[in-house]
Each structure stands twice: as structure tokens, then as C-alpha cells.
């Protein structure tokens, strides 16, 4: 039963990071562009800028960047500890 549990955990994380992060990034793009407003030069309606939507979009970009940076540091954890002696994740046990 532990094999199936492990497979489903990997599948869940893969779906979350594989489809979830691009979706969060896309939502950030939508929020940022709607927050910028428009001047109606493209034939559309004039929309006033919305700072809250811009902040939401930027915060989504920062979140995606943080997840990517954390993943890279986690993957290279052994190398970073070997060469610098700095453990970026001291609260998690090393294998």
C-alpha cells in the first residue's frame, strides 16, 4: 500500500506544481493587465487603473518566483552544503 501512496503523492505534487504554477502565473498576468487599465486606443472601452489588481498580479509573480527558487535550492541542497557549509533548510532532516 505504501507504493500506491507514494505514487499518488508524487502525482499530486506534480499536478500542483506542473499545472498549478503556470496557472498562477497566467492569473497574475491577467490581474496585472487589468490593473494597468486602458486608454481605449485599441477600440475598446476606457478603463481606469486599478492598483489593487496590479499588486495582486505582482504578488502572484513573486510567489511563482519564490517557489521556483526554493525548488532549485532544494534540488541543489547537497551541493550547497558541501561547498559552502550553509544548510538552507535546517528544519528538515538531511538524508
PDB file of N, CA and C in Angstrom:
ATOM      1  N   UNK A   1       0.814  -1.197   0.000  1.00  0.00           N
ATOM      2  CA  UNK A   1       0.000   0.000   0.000  1.00  0.00           C
ATOM      3  C   UNK A   1       0.856   1.259   0.000  1.00  0.00           C
ATOM      4  N   UNK A   2       2.068   1.180   0.514  1.00  0.00           N
ATOM      5  CA  UNK A   2       2.915   2.371   0.567  1.00  0.00           C
ATOM      6  C   UNK A   2       3.354   2.808  -0.828  1.00  0.00           C
ATOM      7  N   UNK A   3       3.460   1.855  -1.768  1.00  0.00           N
ATOM      8  CA  UNK A   3       3.832   2.225  -3.130  1.00  0.00           C
ATOM      9  C   UNK A   3       2.760   3.090  -3.765  1.00  0.00           C
ATOM     10  N   UNK A   4       1.508   2.703  -3.573  1.00  0.00           N
ATOM     11  CA  UNK A   4       0.414   3.479  -4.143  1.00  0.00           C
ATOM     12  C   UNK A   4       0.310   4.853  -3.501  1.00  0.00           C
ATOM     13  N   UNK A   5       0.531   4.913  -2.196  1.00  0.00           N
ATOM     14  CA  UNK A   5       0.514   6.210  -1.512  1.00  0.00           C
ATOM     15  C   UNK A   5       1.619   7.109  -2.050  1.00  0.00           C
ATOM     16  N   UNK A   6       2.787   6.550  -2.248  1.00  0.00           N
ATOM     17  CA  UNK A   6       3.905   7.328  -2.782  1.00  0.00           C
ATOM     18  C   UNK A   6       3.629   7.803  -4.200  1.00  0.00           C
ATOM     19  N   UNK A   7       3.056   6.941  -5.007  1.00  0.00           N
ATOM     20  CA  UNK A   7       2.728   7.317  -6.383  1.00  0.00           C
ATOM     21  C   UNK A   7       1.719   8.458  -6.397  1.00  0.00           C
ATOM     22  N   UNK A   8       0.709   8.369  -5.555  1.00  0.00           N
ATOM     23  CA  UNK A   8      -0.308   9.419  -5.526  1.00  0.00           C
ATOM     24  C   UNK A   8       0.237  10.730  -4.966  1.00  0.00           C
ATOM     25  N   UNK A   9       1.172  10.657  -4.031  1.00  0.00           N
ATOM     26  CA  UNK A   9       1.805  11.878  -3.523  1.00  0.00           C
ATOM     27  C   UNK A   9       2.613  12.562  -4.622  1.00  0.00           C
ATOM     28  N   UNK A  10       3.392  11.783  -5.348  1.00  0.00           N
ATOM     29  CA  UNK A  10       4.191  12.348  -6.441  1.00  0.00           C
ATOM     30  C   UNK A  10       3.281  12.894  -7.533  1.00  0.00           C
ATOM     31  N   UNK A  11       2.213  12.184  -7.847  1.00  0.00           N
ATOM     32  CA  UNK A  11       1.261  12.648  -8.842  1.00  0.00           C
ATOM     33  C   UNK A  11       0.603  13.956  -8.402  1.00  0.00           C
ATOM     34  N   UNK A  12       0.224  14.031  -7.143  1.00  0.00           N
ATOM     35  CA  UNK A  12      -0.408  15.256  -6.631  1.00  0.00           C
ATOM     36  C   UNK A  12       0.526  16.452  -6.671  1.00  0.00           C
ATOM     37  N   UNK A  13       1.757  16.279  -6.231  1.00  0.00           N
ATOM     38  CA  UNK A  13       2.728  17.376  -6.266  1.00  0.00           C
ATOM     39  C   UNK A  13       3.046  17.746  -7.710  1.00  0.00           C
ATOM     40  N   UNK A  14       3.147  16.749  -8.583  1.00  0.00           N
ATOM     41  CA  UNK A  14       3.407  17.028  -9.992  1.00  0.00           C
ATOM     42  C   UNK A  14       2.291  17.836 -10.631  1.00  0.00           C
ATOM     43  N   UNK A  15       1.055  17.487 -10.313  1.00  0.00           N
ATOM     44  CA  UNK A  15      -0.070  18.251 -10.844  1.00  0.00           C
ATOM     45  C   UNK A  15      -0.104  19.656 -10.265  1.00  0.00           C
ATOM     46  N   UNK A  16       0.148  19.752  -8.972  1.00  0.00           N
ATOM     47  CA  UNK A  16       0.123  21.054  -8.315  1.00  0.00           C
ATOM     48  C   UNK A  16       1.190  21.985  -8.882  1.00  0.00           C
ATOM     49  N   UNK A  17       2.409  21.507  -8.979  1.00  0.00           N
ATOM     50  CA  UNK A  17       3.491  22.349  -9.475  1.00  0.00           C
ATOM     51  C   UNK A  17       3.523  22.390 -11.003  1.00  0.00           C
ATOM     52  N   UNK A  18       3.147  21.295 -11.643  1.00  0.00           N
ATOM     53  CA  UNK A  18       3.199  21.243 -13.089  1.00  0.00           C
ATOM     54  C   UNK A  18       2.101  22.046 -13.761  1.00  0.00           C
ATOM     55  N   UNK A  19       0.916  22.034 -13.204  1.00  0.00           N
ATOM     56  CA  UNK A  19      -0.199  22.784 -13.788  1.00  0.00           C
ATOM     57  C   UNK A  19      -0.566  23.990 -12.940  1.00  0.00           C
ATOM     58  N   UNK A  20      -0.301  23.918 -11.663  1.00  0.00           N
ATOM     59  CA  UNK A  20      -0.700  24.995 -10.766  1.00  0.00           C
ATOM     60  C   UNK A  20       0.135  26.254 -10.905  1.00  0.00           C
ATOM     61  N   UNK A  21       1.440  26.110 -11.014  1.00  0.00           N
ATOM     62  CA  UNK A  21       2.294  27.295 -11.121  1.00  0.00           C
ATOM     63  C   UNK A  21       2.073  28.061 -12.420  1.00  0.00           C
ATOM     64  N   UNK A  22       1.974  27.399 -13.564  1.00  0.00           N
ATOM     65  CA  UNK A  22       1.645  28.166 -14.771  1.00  0.00           C
ATOM     66  C   UNK A  22       0.271  28.827 -14.690  1.00  0.00           C
ATOM     67  N   UNK A  23      -0.673  28.178 -14.013  1.00  0.00           N
ATOM     68  CA  UNK A  23      -1.997  28.788 -13.857  1.00  0.00           C
ATOM     69  C   UNK A  23      -1.926  30.027 -12.973  1.00  0.00           C
ATOM     70  N   UNK A  24      -1.155  29.964 -11.897  1.00  0.00           N
ATOM     71  CA  UNK A  24      -0.984  31.138 -11.026  1.00  0.00           C
ATOM     72  C   UNK A  24      -0.288  32.261 -11.786  1.00  0.00           C
ATOM     73  N   UNK A  25       0.713  31.910 -12.601  1.00  0.00           N
ATOM     74  CA  UNK A  25       1.403  32.918 -13.399  1.00  0.00           C
ATOM     75  C   UNK A  25       0.445  33.561 -14.400  1.00  0.00           C
ATOM     76  N   UNK A  26      -0.392  32.745 -15.042  1.00  0.00           N
ATOM     77  CA  UNK A  26      -1.365  33.279 -16.006  1.00  0.00           C
ATOM     78  C   UNK A  26      -2.373  34.189 -15.313  1.00  0.00           C
ATOM     79  N   UNK A  27      -2.836  33.797 -14.138  1.00  0.00           N
ATOM     80  CA  UNK A  27      -3.754  34.653 -13.382  1.00  0.00           C
ATOM     81  C   UNK A  27      -3.069  35.956 -12.974  1.00  0.00           C
ATOM     82  N   UNK A  28      -1.771  35.878 -12.670  1.00  0.00           N
ATOM     83  CA  UNK A  28      -1.015  37.086 -12.359  1.00  0.00           C
ATOM     84  C   UNK A  28      -0.930  38.016 -13.559  1.00  0.00           C
ATOM     85  N   UNK A  29      -0.741  37.453 -14.739  1.00  0.00           N
ATOM     86  CA  UNK A  29      -0.723  38.272 -15.954  1.00  0.00           C
ATOM     87  C   UNK A  29      -2.063  38.960 -16.185  1.00  0.00           C
ATOM     88  N   UNK A  30      -3.141  38.215 -15.980  1.00  0.00           N
ATOM     89  CA  UNK A  30      -4.470  38.790 -16.167  1.00  0.00           C
ATOM     90  C   UNK A  30      -4.716  39.899 -15.151  1.00  0.00           C
ATOM     91  N   UNK A  31      -4.389  39.636 -13.896  1.00  0.00           N
ATOM     92  CA  UNK A  31      -4.604  40.642 -12.852  1.00  0.00           C
ATOM     93  C   UNK A  31      -3.759  41.891 -13.108  1.00  0.00           C
ATOM     94  N   UNK A  32      -2.508  41.695 -13.506  1.00  0.00           N
ATOM     95  CA  UNK A  32      -1.630  42.840 -13.750  1.00  0.00           C
ATOM     96  C   UNK A  32      -2.116  43.664 -14.937  1.00  0.00           C
ATOM     97  N   UNK A  33      -2.551  42.991 -15.995  1.00  0.00           N
ATOM     98  CA  UNK A  33      -3.009  43.738 -17.167  1.00  0.00           C
ATOM     99  C   UNK A  33      -4.328  44.457 -16.900  1.00  0.00           C
ATOM    100  N   UNK A  34      -5.206  43.852 -16.124  1.00  0.00           N
ATOM    101  CA  UNK A  34      -6.449  44.546 -15.779  1.00  0.00           C
ATOM    102  C   UNK A  34      -6.181  45.694 -14.816  1.00  0.00           C
ATOM    103  N   UNK A  35      -5.163  45.568 -14.006  1.00  0.00           N
ATOM    104  CA  UNK A  35      -4.815  46.646 -13.094  1.00  0.00           C
ATOM    105  C   UNK A  35      -4.177  47.824 -13.785  1.00  0.00           C
ATOM    106  N   UNK A  36      -3.605  47.603 -14.954  1.00  0.00           N
ATOM    107  CA  UNK A  36      -2.947  48.689 -15.679  1.00  0.00           C
ATOM    108  C   UNK A  36      -3.956  49.630 -16.310  1.00  0.00           C
ATOM    109  N   UNK A  37      -5.163  49.139 -16.570  1.00  0.00           N
ATOM    110  CA  UNK A  37      -6.162  49.985 -17.219  1.00  0.00           C
ATOM    111  C   UNK A  37      -5.895  50.065 -18.708  1.00  0.00           C
ATOM    112  N   UNK A  38      -6.729  50.818 -19.429  1.00  0.00           N
ATOM    113  CA  UNK A  38      -6.524  51.009 -20.862  1.00  0.00           C
ATOM    114  C   UNK A  38      -7.024  52.390 -21.247  1.00  0.00           C
ATOM    115  N   UNK A  39      -6.461  52.904 -22.332  1.00  0.00           N
ATOM    116  CA  UNK A  39      -6.834  54.246 -22.776  1.00  0.00           C
ATOM    117  C   UNK A  39      -7.831  54.220 -23.932  1.00  0.00           C
ATOM    118  N   UNK A  40      -8.245  53.051 -24.365  1.00  0.00           N
ATOM    119  CA  UNK A  40      -9.223  52.935 -25.431  1.00  0.00           C
ATOM    120  C   UNK A  40      -8.644  53.091 -26.820  1.00  0.00           C
ATOM    121  N   UNK A  41      -7.334  53.101 -26.960  1.00  0.00           N
ATOM    122  CA  UNK A  41      -6.712  53.297 -28.270  1.00  0.00           C
ATOM    123  C   UNK A  41      -6.892  52.088 -29.188  1.00  0.00           C
ATOM    124  N   UNK A  42      -7.165  50.932 -28.613  1.00  0.00           N
ATOM    125  CA  UNK A  42      -7.349  49.739 -29.437  1.00  0.00           C
ATOM    126  C   UNK A  42      -8.815  49.511 -29.808  1.00  0.00           C
ATOM    127  N   UNK A  43      -9.648  50.480 -29.578  1.00  0.00           N
ATOM    128  CA  UNK A  43     -11.060  50.364 -29.915  1.00  0.00           C
ATOM    129  C   UNK A  43     -11.915  49.862 -28.768  1.00  0.00           C
ATOM    130  N   UNK A  44     -11.279  49.501 -27.666  1.00  0.00           N
ATOM    131  CA  UNK A  44     -12.026  49.014 -26.507  1.00  0.00           C
ATOM    132  C   UNK A  44     -12.454  50.153 -25.606  1.00  0.00           C
ATOM    133  N   UNK A  45     -13.079  49.795 -24.534  1.00  0.00           N
ATOM    134  CA  UNK A  45     -13.543  50.788 -23.577  1.00  0.00           C
ATOM    135  C   UNK A  45     -12.377  51.324 -22.763  1.00  0.00           C
ATOM    136  N   UNK A  46     -12.535  52.538 -22.294  1.00  0.00           N
ATOM    137  CA  UNK A  46     -11.534  53.144 -21.429  1.00  0.00           C
ATOM    138  C   UNK A  46     -11.718  52.582 -20.027  1.00  0.00           C
ATOM    139  N   UNK A  47     -10.629  52.104 -19.419  1.00  0.00           N
ATOM    140  CA  UNK A  47     -10.680  51.556 -18.068  1.00  0.00           C
ATOM    141  C   UNK A  47      -9.645  52.265 -17.207  1.00  0.00           C
ATOM    142  N   UNK A  48     -10.061  52.636 -16.022  1.00  0.00           N
ATOM    143  CA  UNK A  48      -9.157  53.302 -15.082  1.00  0.00           C
ATOM    144  C   UNK A  48      -8.199  52.281 -14.474  1.00  0.00           C
ATOM    145  N   UNK A  49      -6.981  52.690 -14.154  1.00  0.00           N
ATOM    146  CA  UNK A  49      -6.046  51.778 -13.496  1.00  0.00           C
ATOM    147  C   UNK A  49      -6.565  51.339 -12.128  1.00  0.00           C
ATOM    148  N   UNK A  50      -6.270  50.107 -11.779  1.00  0.00           N
ATOM    149  CA  UNK A  50      -6.678  49.557 -10.501  1.00  0.00           C
ATOM    150  C   UNK A  50      -5.423  49.075  -9.759  1.00  0.00           C
ATOM    151  N   UNK A  51      -4.930  49.850  -8.788  1.00  0.00           N
ATOM    152  CA  UNK A  51      -3.691  49.475  -8.100  1.00  0.00           C
ATOM    153  C   UNK A  51      -3.792  48.146  -7.348  1.00  0.00           C
ATOM    154  N   UNK A  52      -4.970  47.808  -6.856  1.00  0.00           N
ATOM    155  CA  UNK A  52      -5.111  46.549  -6.120  1.00  0.00           C
ATOM    156  C   UNK A  52      -4.876  45.352  -7.037  1.00  0.00           C
ATOM    157  N   UNK A  53      -5.358  45.430  -8.269  1.00  0.00           N
ATOM    158  CA  UNK A  53      -5.138  44.340  -9.216  1.00  0.00           C
ATOM    159  C   UNK A  53      -3.668  44.242  -9.628  1.00  0.00           C
ATOM    160  N   UNK A  54      -3.008  45.400  -9.742  1.00  0.00           N
ATOM    161  CA  UNK A  54      -1.576  45.370 -10.056  1.00  0.00           C
ATOM    162  C   UNK A  54      -0.795  44.713  -8.925  1.00  0.00           C
ATOM    163  N   UNK A  55      -1.133  45.039  -7.696  1.00  0.00           N
ATOM    164  CA  UNK A  55      -0.449  44.449  -6.536  1.00  0.00           C
ATOM    165  C   UNK A  55      -0.710  42.951  -6.479  1.00  0.00           C
ATOM    166  N   UNK A  56      -1.946  42.539  -6.770  1.00  0.00           N
ATOM    167  CA  UNK A  56      -2.271  41.119  -6.791  1.00  0.00           C
ATOM    168  C   UNK A  56      -1.457  40.395  -7.865  1.00  0.00           C
ATOM    169  N   UNK A  57      -1.351  40.995  -9.041  1.00  0.00           N
ATOM    170  CA  UNK A  57      -0.567  40.388 -10.110  1.00  0.00           C
ATOM    171  C   UNK A  57       0.902  40.258  -9.752  1.00  0.00           C
ATOM    172  N   UNK A  58       1.476  41.313  -9.204  1.00  0.00           N
ATOM    173  CA  UNK A  58       2.888  41.274  -8.813  1.00  0.00           C
ATOM    174  C   UNK A  58       3.109  40.265  -7.693  1.00  0.00           C
ATOM    175  N   UNK A  59       2.172  40.168  -6.756  1.00  0.00           N
ATOM    176  CA  UNK A  59       2.333  39.199  -5.669  1.00  0.00           C
ATOM    177  C   UNK A  59       2.277  37.767  -6.201  1.00  0.00           C
ATOM    178  N   UNK A  60       1.479  37.532  -7.234  1.00  0.00           N
ATOM    179  CA  UNK A  60       1.464  36.200  -7.843  1.00  0.00           C
ATOM    180  C   UNK A  60       2.784  35.904  -8.546  1.00  0.00           C
ATOM    181  N   UNK A  61       3.359  36.893  -9.212  1.00  0.00           N
ATOM    182  CA  UNK A  61       4.675  36.716  -9.840  1.00  0.00           C
ATOM    183  C   UNK A  61       5.741  36.409  -8.792  1.00  0.00           C
ATOM    184  N   UNK A  62       5.704  37.117  -7.683  1.00  0.00           N
ATOM    185  CA  UNK A  62       6.679  36.894  -6.609  1.00  0.00           C
ATOM    186  C   UNK A  62       6.517  35.494  -6.028  1.00  0.00           C
ATOM    187  N   UNK A  63       5.278  35.048  -5.869  1.00  0.00           N
ATOM    188  CA  UNK A  63       5.032  33.706  -5.345  1.00  0.00           C
ATOM    189  C   UNK A  63       5.607  32.644  -6.277  1.00  0.00           C
ATOM    190  N   UNK A  64       5.359  32.766  -7.568  1.00  0.00           N
ATOM    191  CA  UNK A  64       5.880  31.791  -8.533  1.00  0.00           C
ATOM    192  C   UNK A  64       7.417  31.804  -8.515  1.00  0.00           C
ATOM    193  N   UNK A  65       8.009  32.978  -8.468  1.00  0.00           N
ATOM    194  CA  UNK A  65       9.467  33.075  -8.396  1.00  0.00           C
ATOM    195  C   UNK A  65      10.021  32.449  -7.132  1.00  0.00           C
ATOM    196  N   UNK A  66       9.321  32.658  -6.006  1.00  0.00           N
ATOM    197  CA  UNK A  66       9.757  32.080  -4.734  1.00  0.00           C
ATOM    198  C   UNK A  66       9.712  30.557  -4.791  1.00  0.00           C
ATOM    199  N   UNK A  67       8.655  30.005  -5.363  1.00  0.00           N
ATOM    200  CA  UNK A  67       8.537  28.545  -5.468  1.00  0.00           C
ATOM    201  C   UNK A  67       9.651  27.986  -6.346  1.00  0.00           C
ATOM    202  N   UNK A  68       9.941  28.639  -7.450  1.00  0.00           N
ATOM    203  CA  UNK A  68      11.000  28.161  -8.347  1.00  0.00           C
ATOM    204  C   UNK A  68      12.360  28.238  -7.657  1.00  0.00           C
ATOM    205  N   UNK A  69      12.636  29.342  -6.987  1.00  0.00           N
ATOM    206  CA  UNK A  69      13.911  29.488  -6.280  1.00  0.00           C
ATOM    207  C   UNK A  69      14.052  28.451  -5.168  1.00  0.00           C
ATOM    208  N   UNK A  70      12.984  28.231  -4.421  1.00  0.00           N
ATOM    209  CA  UNK A  70      13.016  27.226  -3.362  1.00  0.00           C
ATOM    210  C   UNK A  70      13.244  25.831  -3.938  1.00  0.00           C
ATOM    211  N   UNK A  71      12.620  25.526  -5.064  1.00  0.00           N
ATOM    212  CA  UNK A  71      12.808  24.220  -5.683  1.00  0.00           C
ATOM    213  C   UNK A  71      14.247  24.025  -6.151  1.00  0.00           C
ATOM    214  N   UNK A  72      14.828  25.053  -6.740  1.00  0.00           N
ATOM    215  CA  UNK A  72      16.221  24.949  -7.187  1.00  0.00           C
ATOM    216  C   UNK A  72      17.155  24.769  -5.994  1.00  0.00           C
ATOM    217  N   UNK A  73      16.920  25.523  -4.930  1.00  0.00           N
ATOM    218  CA  UNK A  73      17.757  25.367  -3.734  1.00  0.00           C
ATOM    219  C   UNK A  73      17.577  23.995  -3.098  1.00  0.00           C
ATOM    220  N   UNK A  74      16.364  23.454  -3.135  1.00  0.00           N
ATOM    221  CA  UNK A  74      16.130  22.130  -2.573  1.00  0.00           C
ATOM    222  C   UNK A  74      16.847  21.068  -3.403  1.00  0.00           C
ATOM    223  N   UNK A  75      16.789  21.191  -4.719  1.00  0.00           N
ATOM    224  CA  UNK A  75      17.443  20.210  -5.586  1.00  0.00           C
ATOM    225  C   UNK A  75      18.956  20.257  -5.415  1.00  0.00           C
ATOM    226  N   UNK A  76      19.509  21.439  -5.258  1.00  0.00           N
ATOM    227  CA  UNK A  76      20.958  21.591  -5.128  1.00  0.00           C
ATOM    228  C   UNK A  76      21.412  21.655  -3.672  1.00  0.00           C
ATOM    229  N   UNK A  77      20.566  21.219  -2.770  1.00  0.00           N
ATOM    230  CA  UNK A  77      20.848  21.325  -1.330  1.00  0.00           C
ATOM    231  C   UNK A  77      22.162  20.653  -0.937  1.00  0.00           C
ATOM    232  N   UNK A  78      22.379  19.442  -1.408  1.00  0.00           N
ATOM    233  CA  UNK A  78      23.599  18.724  -1.053  1.00  0.00           C
ATOM    234  C   UNK A  78      24.854  19.427  -1.544  1.00  0.00           C
ATOM    235  N   UNK A  79      24.807  19.958  -2.751  1.00  0.00           N
ATOM    236  CA  UNK A  79      25.956  20.663  -3.304  1.00  0.00           C
ATOM    237  C   UNK A  79      26.225  21.952  -2.544  1.00  0.00           C
ATOM    238  N   UNK A  80      25.166  22.681  -2.211  1.00  0.00           N
ATOM    239  CA  UNK A  80      25.341  23.941  -1.465  1.00  0.00           C
ATOM    240  C   UNK A  80      25.939  23.664  -0.095  1.00  0.00           C
ATOM    241  N   UNK A  81      25.466  22.629   0.584  1.00  0.00           N
ATOM    242  CA  UNK A  81      26.020  22.280   1.899  1.00  0.00           C
ATOM    243  C   UNK A  81      27.472  21.848   1.752  1.00  0.00           C
ATOM    244  N   UNK A  82      27.772  21.090   0.715  1.00  0.00           N
ATOM    245  CA  UNK A  82      29.144  20.598   0.530  1.00  0.00           C
ATOM    246  C   UNK A  82      30.132  21.742   0.303  1.00  0.00           C
ATOM    247  N   UNK A  83      29.781  22.682  -0.564  1.00  0.00           N
ATOM    248  CA  UNK A  83      30.735  23.729  -0.928  1.00  0.00           C
ATOM    249  C   UNK A  83      30.727  24.938   0.001  1.00  0.00           C
ATOM    250  N   UNK A  84      29.593  25.245   0.600  1.00  0.00           N
ATOM    251  CA  UNK A  84      29.541  26.445   1.443  1.00  0.00           C
ATOM    252  C   UNK A  84      29.340  26.142   2.919  1.00  0.00           C
ATOM    253  N   UNK A  85      28.816  24.978   3.235  1.00  0.00           N
ATOM    254  CA  UNK A  85      28.525  24.650   4.620  1.00  0.00           C
ATOM    255  C   UNK A  85      27.234  25.282   5.122  1.00  0.00           C
ATOM    256  N   UNK A  86      26.471  25.889   4.233  1.00  0.00           N
ATOM    257  CA  UNK A  86      25.224  26.547   4.607  1.00  0.00           C
ATOM    258  C   UNK A  86      24.065  25.610   4.291  1.00  0.00           C
ATOM    259  N   UNK A  87      23.257  25.319   5.310  1.00  0.00           N
ATOM    260  CA  UNK A  87      22.069  24.499   5.114  1.00  0.00           C
ATOM    261  C   UNK A  87      20.864  25.422   5.005  1.00  0.00           C
ATOM    262  N   UNK A  88      20.299  25.522   3.798  1.00  0.00           N
ATOM    263  CA  UNK A  88      19.161  26.407   3.563  1.00  0.00           C
ATOM    264  C   UNK A  88      17.883  25.910   4.235  1.00  0.00           C
ATOM    265  N   UNK A  89      17.825  24.620   4.536  1.00  0.00           N
ATOM    266  CA  UNK A  89      16.647  24.018   5.143  1.00  0.00           C
ATOM    267  C   UNK A  89      17.048  23.276   6.418  1.00  0.00           C
ATOM    268  N   UNK A  90      17.478  23.984   7.454  1.00  0.00           N
ATOM    269  CA  UNK A  90      17.949  23.301   8.656  1.00  0.00           C
ATOM    270  C   UNK A  90      16.823  22.608   9.431  1.00  0.00           C
ATOM    271  N   UNK A  91      15.602  23.003   9.200  1.00  0.00           N
ATOM    272  CA  UNK A  91      14.483  22.415   9.930  1.00  0.00           C
ATOM    273  C   UNK A  91      14.022  21.091   9.314  1.00  0.00           C
ATOM    274  N   UNK A  92      14.554  20.730   8.158  1.00  0.00           N
ATOM    275  CA  UNK A  92      14.226  19.463   7.520  1.00  0.00           C
ATOM    276  C   UNK A  92      15.427  18.530   7.618  1.00  0.00           C
ATOM    277  N   UNK A  93      15.197  17.283   8.000  1.00  0.00           N
ATOM    278  CA  UNK A  93      16.336  16.360   8.159  1.00  0.00           C
ATOM    279  C   UNK A  93      16.982  16.020   6.817  1.00  0.00           C
ATOM    280  N   UNK A  94      18.289  15.955   6.811  1.00  0.00           N
ATOM    281  CA  UNK A  94      19.032  15.553   5.608  1.00  0.00           C
ATOM    282  C   UNK A  94      19.038  14.043   5.532  1.00  0.00           C
ATOM    283  N   UNK A  95      19.049  13.531   4.314  1.00  0.00           N
ATOM    284  CA  UNK A  95      19.043  12.072   4.150  1.00  0.00           C
ATOM    285  C   UNK A  95      20.453  11.554   4.070  1.00  0.00           C
TER     286      UNK A  95
END
